C-alpha cells in the first residue's frame, strides 16, 4: 500500500537545483535566456531575440516538470526520506490511497 502525495514544483525545483548536478546545470542555463536575447538586440537580430526570449517560459516549466519527476523518483528509491520531504514542504500528503 502506497500513499499518494503532491509535489510542490517550486520547492522540488529548489531541492533539485541544490542536490543534483543536472538540476544545477539546467537551472543555470535559464540565465542564457536573459543574456542571449539582450546580446542579439545589440547585434540587431530582433526577431531571433524575441524567439529566444519566448522560449524562456516553456523552458522554465519544463525544468520544473523535470524537478517534480526527480523528487518522485528519489522518493521511490528512498522511501525513508518521505518524512523529511514533508517537513521541508517539498511534498504534501494526500488522504487518498492508491
N, C-alpha and C. Protein backbone atom coordinates (compact mmCIF):
# COMPACT_ATOMS: atom_id res chain seq x y z
N UNK A 1 0.85 -1.16 0.00
CA UNK A 1 0.00 0.00 0.00
C UNK A 1 0.90 1.24 0.00
N UNK A 2 0.69 2.11 -1.00
CA UNK A 2 1.49 3.33 -1.09
C UNK A 2 0.58 4.53 -0.97
N UNK A 3 1.11 5.60 -0.43
CA UNK A 3 0.34 6.81 -0.27
C UNK A 3 0.66 7.76 -1.41
N UNK A 4 -0.37 8.45 -1.86
CA UNK A 4 -0.20 9.50 -2.86
C UNK A 4 0.27 10.76 -2.17
N UNK A 5 1.01 11.57 -2.88
CA UNK A 5 1.42 12.86 -2.35
C UNK A 5 1.52 13.84 -3.48
N UNK A 6 1.35 15.10 -3.16
CA UNK A 6 1.51 16.17 -4.13
C UNK A 6 2.88 16.78 -3.95
N UNK A 7 3.50 17.12 -5.07
CA UNK A 7 4.83 17.70 -5.06
C UNK A 7 4.71 19.18 -5.42
N UNK A 8 5.29 20.03 -4.60
CA UNK A 8 5.33 21.46 -4.90
C UNK A 8 6.42 21.71 -5.95
N UNK A 9 6.05 22.17 -7.14
CA UNK A 9 7.05 22.37 -8.19
C UNK A 9 8.15 23.36 -7.81
N UNK A 10 7.80 24.39 -7.09
CA UNK A 10 8.81 25.39 -6.71
C UNK A 10 9.81 24.80 -5.73
N UNK A 11 9.30 24.12 -4.71
CA UNK A 11 10.18 23.50 -3.72
C UNK A 11 10.98 22.35 -4.33
N UNK A 12 10.33 21.59 -5.23
CA UNK A 12 11.04 20.49 -5.89
C UNK A 12 12.18 21.04 -6.73
N UNK A 13 11.95 22.14 -7.42
CA UNK A 13 12.99 22.75 -8.24
C UNK A 13 14.15 23.22 -7.37
N UNK A 14 13.84 23.81 -6.24
CA UNK A 14 14.90 24.27 -5.33
C UNK A 14 15.72 23.07 -4.82
N UNK A 15 15.02 22.00 -4.40
CA UNK A 15 15.73 20.81 -3.91
C UNK A 15 16.59 20.22 -5.01
N UNK A 16 16.04 20.11 -6.22
CA UNK A 16 16.75 19.50 -7.35
C UNK A 16 17.98 20.31 -7.72
N UNK A 17 17.83 21.64 -7.70
CA UNK A 17 18.96 22.53 -8.03
C UNK A 17 20.08 22.41 -7.00
N UNK A 18 19.71 22.25 -5.73
CA UNK A 18 20.72 22.20 -4.67
C UNK A 18 21.36 20.83 -4.48
N UNK A 19 20.70 19.76 -4.91
CA UNK A 19 21.21 18.42 -4.58
C UNK A 19 21.76 17.64 -5.77
N UNK A 20 21.49 18.05 -7.00
CA UNK A 20 21.98 17.28 -8.15
C UNK A 20 22.69 18.19 -9.14
N UNK A 21 23.73 17.68 -9.78
CA UNK A 21 24.42 18.49 -10.79
C UNK A 21 23.54 18.78 -12.01
N UNK A 22 22.67 17.82 -12.37
CA UNK A 22 21.78 18.04 -13.52
C UNK A 22 20.84 19.21 -13.24
N UNK A 23 20.26 19.21 -12.06
CA UNK A 23 19.35 20.29 -11.69
C UNK A 23 20.05 21.64 -11.65
N UNK A 24 21.26 21.65 -11.13
CA UNK A 24 22.02 22.91 -11.07
C UNK A 24 22.33 23.41 -12.48
N UNK A 25 22.76 22.52 -13.36
CA UNK A 25 23.11 22.92 -14.72
C UNK A 25 21.90 23.44 -15.48
N UNK A 26 20.80 22.69 -15.44
CA UNK A 26 19.61 23.11 -16.19
C UNK A 26 19.03 24.41 -15.65
N UNK A 27 19.15 24.65 -14.36
CA UNK A 27 18.67 25.91 -13.80
C UNK A 27 19.59 27.07 -14.17
N UNK A 28 20.90 26.81 -14.24
CA UNK A 28 21.83 27.87 -14.63
C UNK A 28 21.68 28.24 -16.09
N UNK A 29 21.24 27.30 -16.92
CA UNK A 29 21.01 27.61 -18.33
C UNK A 29 19.90 28.64 -18.52
N UNK A 30 19.03 28.78 -17.53
CA UNK A 30 17.96 29.78 -17.61
C UNK A 30 18.55 31.18 -17.75
N UNK A 31 19.73 31.38 -17.18
CA UNK A 31 20.42 32.67 -17.28
C UNK A 31 20.67 33.05 -18.74
N UNK A 32 20.92 32.05 -19.58
CA UNK A 32 21.16 32.31 -21.00
C UNK A 32 19.93 32.89 -21.70
N UNK A 33 18.74 32.52 -21.22
CA UNK A 33 17.52 33.05 -21.82
C UNK A 33 17.35 34.54 -21.54
N UNK A 34 18.13 35.07 -20.64
CA UNK A 34 18.10 36.51 -20.37
C UNK A 34 19.24 37.21 -21.10
N UNK A 35 20.42 36.63 -21.04
CA UNK A 35 21.61 37.27 -21.62
C UNK A 35 21.61 37.22 -23.15
N UNK A 36 21.28 36.07 -23.71
CA UNK A 36 21.36 35.90 -25.17
C UNK A 36 20.42 36.87 -25.91
N UNK A 37 19.15 37.02 -25.51
CA UNK A 37 18.31 37.98 -26.23
C UNK A 37 18.85 39.42 -26.17
N UNK A 38 19.42 39.79 -25.04
CA UNK A 38 19.99 41.14 -24.92
C UNK A 38 21.15 41.30 -25.91
N UNK A 39 22.00 40.30 -25.97
CA UNK A 39 23.13 40.35 -26.92
C UNK A 39 22.62 40.38 -28.36
N UNK A 40 21.57 39.63 -28.66
CA UNK A 40 21.02 39.63 -30.02
C UNK A 40 20.41 40.98 -30.39
N UNK A 41 19.83 41.67 -29.44
CA UNK A 41 19.29 43.01 -29.71
C UNK A 41 20.42 43.96 -30.05
N UNK A 42 21.52 43.86 -29.33
CA UNK A 42 22.67 44.73 -29.63
C UNK A 42 23.24 44.43 -31.02
N UNK A 43 23.07 43.20 -31.50
CA UNK A 43 23.54 42.82 -32.84
C UNK A 43 22.46 43.06 -33.89
N UNK A 44 21.33 43.62 -33.49
CA UNK A 44 20.18 43.94 -34.37
C UNK A 44 19.46 42.70 -34.91
N UNK A 45 19.47 41.62 -34.17
CA UNK A 45 18.72 40.42 -34.52
C UNK A 45 17.46 40.38 -33.65
N UNK A 46 16.53 41.28 -33.95
CA UNK A 46 15.36 41.47 -33.09
C UNK A 46 14.43 40.25 -33.09
N UNK A 47 14.15 39.70 -34.27
CA UNK A 47 13.23 38.56 -34.35
C UNK A 47 13.82 37.34 -33.63
N UNK A 48 15.10 37.11 -33.84
CA UNK A 48 15.75 35.98 -33.17
C UNK A 48 15.78 36.20 -31.66
N UNK A 49 16.00 37.43 -31.26
CA UNK A 49 15.99 37.76 -29.84
C UNK A 49 14.63 37.46 -29.23
N UNK A 50 13.57 37.86 -29.93
CA UNK A 50 12.22 37.60 -29.44
C UNK A 50 11.95 36.09 -29.35
N UNK A 51 12.41 35.34 -30.37
CA UNK A 51 12.18 33.88 -30.38
C UNK A 51 12.88 33.21 -29.20
N UNK A 52 14.12 33.59 -28.93
CA UNK A 52 14.85 33.00 -27.81
C UNK A 52 14.18 33.37 -26.50
N UNK A 53 13.80 34.63 -26.36
CA UNK A 53 13.14 35.09 -25.13
C UNK A 53 11.80 34.38 -24.94
N UNK A 54 11.10 34.11 -26.04
CA UNK A 54 9.79 33.45 -25.96
C UNK A 54 9.90 32.02 -25.45
N UNK A 55 11.04 31.38 -25.65
CA UNK A 55 11.21 30.02 -25.17
C UNK A 55 11.58 29.95 -23.69
N UNK A 56 11.77 31.08 -23.05
CA UNK A 56 12.16 31.08 -21.64
C UNK A 56 11.07 30.48 -20.75
N UNK A 57 9.83 30.85 -20.95
CA UNK A 57 8.75 30.35 -20.10
C UNK A 57 8.54 28.85 -20.30
N UNK A 58 8.43 28.35 -21.54
CA UNK A 58 8.29 26.90 -21.68
C UNK A 58 9.48 26.13 -21.10
N UNK A 59 10.68 26.68 -21.24
CA UNK A 59 11.85 26.01 -20.68
C UNK A 59 11.76 25.97 -19.15
N UNK A 60 11.33 27.07 -18.54
CA UNK A 60 11.17 27.10 -17.09
C UNK A 60 10.15 26.08 -16.61
N UNK A 61 9.04 25.97 -17.33
CA UNK A 61 8.02 24.98 -16.97
C UNK A 61 8.55 23.56 -17.15
N UNK A 62 9.34 23.35 -18.20
CA UNK A 62 9.94 22.03 -18.44
C UNK A 62 10.91 21.66 -17.31
N UNK A 63 11.71 22.62 -16.88
CA UNK A 63 12.66 22.36 -15.79
C UNK A 63 11.91 22.02 -14.51
N UNK A 64 10.83 22.72 -14.23
CA UNK A 64 10.03 22.39 -13.03
C UNK A 64 9.42 21.00 -13.14
N UNK A 65 8.97 20.64 -14.34
CA UNK A 65 8.42 19.30 -14.55
C UNK A 65 9.49 18.24 -14.27
N UNK A 66 10.70 18.48 -14.77
CA UNK A 66 11.80 17.54 -14.51
C UNK A 66 12.12 17.46 -13.02
N UNK A 67 12.03 18.58 -12.33
CA UNK A 67 12.30 18.59 -10.89
C UNK A 67 11.27 17.76 -10.13
N UNK A 68 10.01 17.88 -10.50
CA UNK A 68 8.95 17.08 -9.86
C UNK A 68 9.20 15.60 -10.11
N UNK A 69 9.57 15.25 -11.33
CA UNK A 69 9.87 13.85 -11.64
C UNK A 69 11.08 13.36 -10.85
N UNK A 70 12.07 14.23 -10.68
CA UNK A 70 13.26 13.84 -9.92
C UNK A 70 12.91 13.57 -8.45
N UNK A 71 12.03 14.38 -7.89
CA UNK A 71 11.60 14.17 -6.50
C UNK A 71 10.84 12.86 -6.38
N UNK A 72 9.93 12.62 -7.30
CA UNK A 72 9.16 11.36 -7.26
C UNK A 72 10.08 10.15 -7.39
N UNK A 73 11.03 10.22 -8.30
CA UNK A 73 11.96 9.11 -8.49
C UNK A 73 12.83 8.91 -7.25
N UNK A 74 13.29 10.02 -6.66
CA UNK A 74 14.11 9.92 -5.46
C UNK A 74 13.34 9.25 -4.32
N UNK A 75 12.07 9.63 -4.19
CA UNK A 75 11.26 9.05 -3.11
C UNK A 75 10.92 7.59 -3.38
N UNK A 76 10.86 7.19 -4.64
CA UNK A 76 10.66 5.76 -4.94
C UNK A 76 11.88 4.96 -4.54
N UNK A 77 13.05 5.53 -4.76
CA UNK A 77 14.29 4.83 -4.43
C UNK A 77 14.63 4.93 -2.95
N UNK A 78 14.18 6.00 -2.28
CA UNK A 78 14.48 6.23 -0.86
C UNK A 78 13.20 6.61 -0.10
N UNK A 79 12.28 5.67 0.10
CA UNK A 79 11.02 5.99 0.77
C UNK A 79 11.20 6.44 2.23
N UNK A 80 12.33 6.11 2.82
CA UNK A 80 12.57 6.50 4.21
C UNK A 80 12.75 8.02 4.36
N UNK A 81 12.99 8.73 3.26
CA UNK A 81 13.18 10.18 3.32
C UNK A 81 11.89 10.96 3.13
N UNK A 82 10.78 10.25 3.04
CA UNK A 82 9.49 10.91 2.77
C UNK A 82 9.13 11.94 3.85
N UNK A 83 9.37 11.58 5.09
CA UNK A 83 9.03 12.49 6.19
C UNK A 83 9.87 13.78 6.11
N UNK A 84 11.14 13.65 5.76
CA UNK A 84 11.99 14.83 5.61
C UNK A 84 11.47 15.75 4.51
N UNK A 85 11.00 15.16 3.41
CA UNK A 85 10.48 15.95 2.30
C UNK A 85 9.18 16.65 2.71
N UNK A 86 8.37 15.97 3.51
CA UNK A 86 7.14 16.60 4.00
C UNK A 86 7.45 17.77 4.92
N UNK A 87 8.41 17.59 5.81
CA UNK A 87 8.78 18.68 6.73
C UNK A 87 9.40 19.85 5.99
N UNK A 88 10.10 19.59 4.89
CA UNK A 88 10.71 20.66 4.11
C UNK A 88 9.68 21.35 3.21
N UNK A 89 8.48 20.80 3.11
CA UNK A 89 7.45 21.41 2.28
C UNK A 89 7.54 21.05 0.81
N UNK A 90 8.35 20.08 0.48
CA UNK A 90 8.50 19.66 -0.91
C UNK A 90 7.30 18.84 -1.35
N UNK A 91 6.82 17.99 -0.44
CA UNK A 91 5.62 17.20 -0.74
C UNK A 91 4.58 17.43 0.34
N UNK A 92 3.33 17.15 -0.01
CA UNK A 92 2.27 17.18 0.99
C UNK A 92 1.47 15.91 0.82
N UNK A 93 1.12 15.29 1.92
CA UNK A 93 0.40 14.02 1.90
C UNK A 93 -1.01 14.22 1.39
N UNK A 94 -1.48 13.23 0.69
CA UNK A 94 -2.84 13.22 0.21
C UNK A 94 -3.56 12.10 0.98
N UNK A 95 -4.79 12.33 1.35
CA UNK A 95 -5.51 11.36 2.17
C UNK A 95 -5.90 10.11 1.39
N UNK A 96 -5.87 10.20 0.07
CA UNK A 96 -6.29 9.05 -0.74
C UNK A 96 -5.20 7.99 -0.77
N UNK A 97 -5.61 6.75 -0.89
CA UNK A 97 -4.70 5.62 -1.05
C UNK A 97 -4.71 5.18 -2.49
N UNK A 98 -3.58 4.64 -2.95
CA UNK A 98 -3.53 4.09 -4.31
C UNK A 98 -4.22 2.75 -4.34
